Amino acid sequence: MNKAELIEIAAKEADISKAAAGKALDGIINAVVKAVSKGDTVTLVGFGTFKSAKRAARTGKNPQTGASIKIPATTVPKFTAGAGFKTAVAGKKKK
């Protein structure tokens, strides 16, 4: 599923226009990106948690030459699925 298909489904589910659904989705995505980039955690109960994680510096290998290269430390986004999301994907029924 791509962004356009997601907007179409959201518009149908919420009974709003595709333009309004697109603006809402863009607003949500922008809010999550800004919060996580500042180091905050965004939790959507039942869906999951977005947060930033620090990745330590390490030594890697160039696959073409085999030479060792240093990979610097960085901060990356991380998503952890919530219980409801995990249950839905596993195909289990709610009790």
C-alpha atoms as a PDB file:
ATOM      1  CA  MET A   1       0.000   0.000   0.000  1.00  0.00           C
ATOM      2  CA  ASN A   2       1.323   3.439  -0.882  1.00  0.00           C
ATOM      3  CA  LYS A   3       0.430   6.886   0.469  1.00  0.00           C
ATOM      4  CA  ALA A   4      -2.280   7.550  -2.133  1.00  0.00           C
ATOM      5  CA  GLU A   5      -4.014   4.254  -1.339  1.00  0.00           C
ATOM      6  CA  LEU A   6      -3.799   4.984   2.385  1.00  0.00           C
ATOM      7  CA  ILE A   7      -5.356   8.427   1.850  1.00  0.00           C
ATOM      8  CA  GLU A   8      -8.165   6.881  -0.190  1.00  0.00           C
ATOM      9  CA  ILE A   9      -8.948   4.346   2.536  1.00  0.00           C
ATOM     10  CA  ALA A  10      -8.759   6.979   5.292  1.00  0.00           C
ATOM     11  CA  ALA A  11     -11.119   9.273   3.361  1.00  0.00           C
ATOM     12  CA  LYS A  12     -13.613   6.450   2.905  1.00  0.00           C
ATOM     13  CA  GLU A  13     -13.395   5.290   6.559  1.00  0.00           C
ATOM     14  CA  ALA A  14     -13.721   8.813   7.996  1.00  0.00           C
ATOM     15  CA  ASP A  15     -16.281   9.928   5.373  1.00  0.00           C
ATOM     16  CA  ILE A  16     -14.205  12.978   4.379  1.00  0.00           C
ATOM     17  CA  SER A  17     -12.682  14.182   1.125  1.00  0.00           C
ATOM     18  CA  LYS A  18      -9.399  12.802  -0.162  1.00  0.00           C
ATOM     19  CA  ALA A  19      -7.894  16.296   0.101  1.00  0.00           C
ATOM     20  CA  ALA A  20      -8.824  16.539   3.795  1.00  0.00           C
ATOM     21  CA  ALA A  21      -7.525  13.019   4.452  1.00  0.00           C
ATOM     22  CA  GLY A  22      -4.264  13.880   2.676  1.00  0.00           C
ATOM     23  CA  LYS A  23      -3.800  17.037   4.753  1.00  0.00           C
ATOM     24  CA  ALA A  24      -4.559  15.121   7.943  1.00  0.00           C
ATOM     25  CA  LEU A  25      -2.085  12.356   7.075  1.00  0.00           C
ATOM     26  CA  ASP A  26       0.624  14.890   6.170  1.00  0.00           C
ATOM     27  CA  GLY A  27      -0.004  16.706   9.458  1.00  0.00           C
ATOM     28  CA  ILE A  28       0.283  13.513  11.473  1.00  0.00           C
ATOM     29  CA  ILE A  29       3.460  12.430   9.694  1.00  0.00           C
ATOM     30  CA  ASN A  30       5.042  15.875  10.158  1.00  0.00           C
ATOM     31  CA  ALA A  31       4.142  15.907  13.864  1.00  0.00           C
ATOM     32  CA  VAL A  32       5.666  12.450  14.401  1.00  0.00           C
ATOM     33  CA  VAL A  33       8.846  13.371  12.491  1.00  0.00           C
ATOM     34  CA  LYS A  34       9.303  16.633  14.434  1.00  0.00           C
ATOM     35  CA  ALA A  35       8.711  14.970  17.808  1.00  0.00           C
ATOM     36  CA  VAL A  36      11.059  12.027  17.160  1.00  0.00           C
ATOM     37  CA  SER A  37      13.763  14.273  15.699  1.00  0.00           C
ATOM     38  CA  LYS A  38      13.678  16.309  18.953  1.00  0.00           C
ATOM     39  CA  GLY A  39      14.149  13.097  20.937  1.00  0.00           C
ATOM     40  CA  ASP A  40      10.543  12.736  22.092  1.00  0.00           C
ATOM     41  CA  THR A  41       8.587   9.493  21.982  1.00  0.00           C
ATOM     42  CA  VAL A  42       5.247   9.246  20.150  1.00  0.00           C
ATOM     43  CA  THR A  43       2.961   6.480  21.427  1.00  0.00           C
ATOM     44  CA  LEU A  44      -0.238   5.461  19.671  1.00  0.00           C
ATOM     45  CA  VAL A  45      -1.887   2.998  22.055  1.00  0.00           C
ATOM     46  CA  GLY A  46      -2.649  -0.287  20.325  1.00  0.00           C
ATOM     47  CA  PHE A  47      -0.615   0.674  17.240  1.00  0.00           C
ATOM     48  CA  GLY A  48       2.947   1.325  18.364  1.00  0.00           C
ATOM     49  CA  THR A  49       5.664   3.679  19.516  1.00  0.00           C
ATOM     50  CA  PHE A  50       7.982   5.886  17.468  1.00  0.00           C
ATOM     51  CA  LYS A  51      11.244   6.982  19.101  1.00  0.00           C
ATOM     52  CA  SER A  52      14.854   7.786  18.315  1.00  0.00           C
ATOM     53  CA  ALA A  53      17.706   5.417  19.138  1.00  0.00           C
ATOM     54  CA  LYS A  54      21.438   5.983  19.199  1.00  0.00           C
ATOM     55  CA  ARG A  55      23.567   3.691  17.062  1.00  0.00           C
ATOM     56  CA  ALA A  56      27.209   3.344  18.154  1.00  0.00           C
ATOM     57  CA  ALA A  57      30.167   3.824  15.834  1.00  0.00           C
ATOM     58  CA  ARG A  58      31.402   0.598  14.286  1.00  0.00           C
ATOM     59  CA  THR A  59      33.738  -0.837  11.693  1.00  0.00           C
ATOM     60  CA  GLY A  60      32.231  -2.128   8.460  1.00  0.00           C
ATOM     61  CA  LYS A  61      33.510  -3.559   5.198  1.00  0.00           C
ATOM     62  CA  ASN A  62      33.240  -2.157   1.697  1.00  0.00           C
ATOM     63  CA  PRO A  63      31.630  -5.047  -0.246  1.00  0.00           C
ATOM     64  CA  GLN A  64      33.395  -4.105  -3.501  1.00  0.00           C
ATOM     65  CA  THR A  65      36.938  -3.776  -2.214  1.00  0.00           C
ATOM     66  CA  GLY A  66      36.819  -5.618   1.105  1.00  0.00           C
ATOM     67  CA  ALA A  67      38.478  -2.626   2.783  1.00  0.00           C
ATOM     68  CA  SER A  68      37.517  -1.790   6.351  1.00  0.00           C
ATOM     69  CA  ILE A  69      35.672   1.484   6.821  1.00  0.00           C
ATOM     70  CA  LYS A  70      34.616   3.367   9.924  1.00  0.00           C
ATOM     71  CA  ILE A  71      30.882   3.948  10.249  1.00  0.00           C
ATOM     72  CA  PRO A  72      30.201   6.935  12.526  1.00  0.00           C
ATOM     73  CA  ALA A  73      27.735   6.961  15.415  1.00  0.00           C
ATOM     74  CA  THR A  74      24.283   8.239  14.501  1.00  0.00           C
ATOM     75  CA  THR A  75      20.726   8.595  15.721  1.00  0.00           C
ATOM     76  CA  VAL A  76      18.051   6.611  13.870  1.00  0.00           C
ATOM     77  CA  PRO A  77      14.254   6.403  14.080  1.00  0.00           C
ATOM     78  CA  LYS A  78      12.809   3.263  15.661  1.00  0.00           C
ATOM     79  CA  PHE A  79       9.281   1.836  15.630  1.00  0.00           C
ATOM     80  CA  THR A  80       8.003  -0.746  18.100  1.00  0.00           C
ATOM     81  CA  ALA A  81       4.649  -2.340  17.289  1.00  0.00           C
ATOM     82  CA  GLY A  82       1.951  -2.274  19.970  1.00  0.00           C
ATOM     83  CA  ALA A  83       0.097  -5.298  21.316  1.00  0.00           C
ATOM     84  CA  GLY A  84      -3.036  -4.679  19.228  1.00  0.00           C
ATOM     85  CA  PHE A  85      -1.003  -4.336  16.032  1.00  0.00           C
ATOM     86  CA  LYS A  86       1.008  -7.482  16.771  1.00  0.00           C
ATOM     87  CA  THR A  87      -2.184  -9.434  17.494  1.00  0.00           C
ATOM     88  CA  ALA A  88      -3.824  -8.268  14.258  1.00  0.00           C
ATOM     89  CA  VAL A  89      -0.794  -9.187  12.151  1.00  0.00           C
ATOM     90  CA  ALA A  90      -0.512 -12.609  13.817  1.00  0.00           C
ATOM     91  CA  GLY A  91      -4.169 -13.253  12.929  1.00  0.00           C
ATOM     92  CA  LYS A  92      -5.230 -13.880  16.508  1.00  0.00           C
ATOM     93  CA  LYS A  93      -8.627 -12.823  17.784  1.00  0.00           C
ATOM     94  CA  LYS A  94      -9.064 -10.385  20.664  1.00  0.00           C
ATOM     95  CA  LYS A  95     -10.362 -11.913  23.860  1.00  0.00           C
END
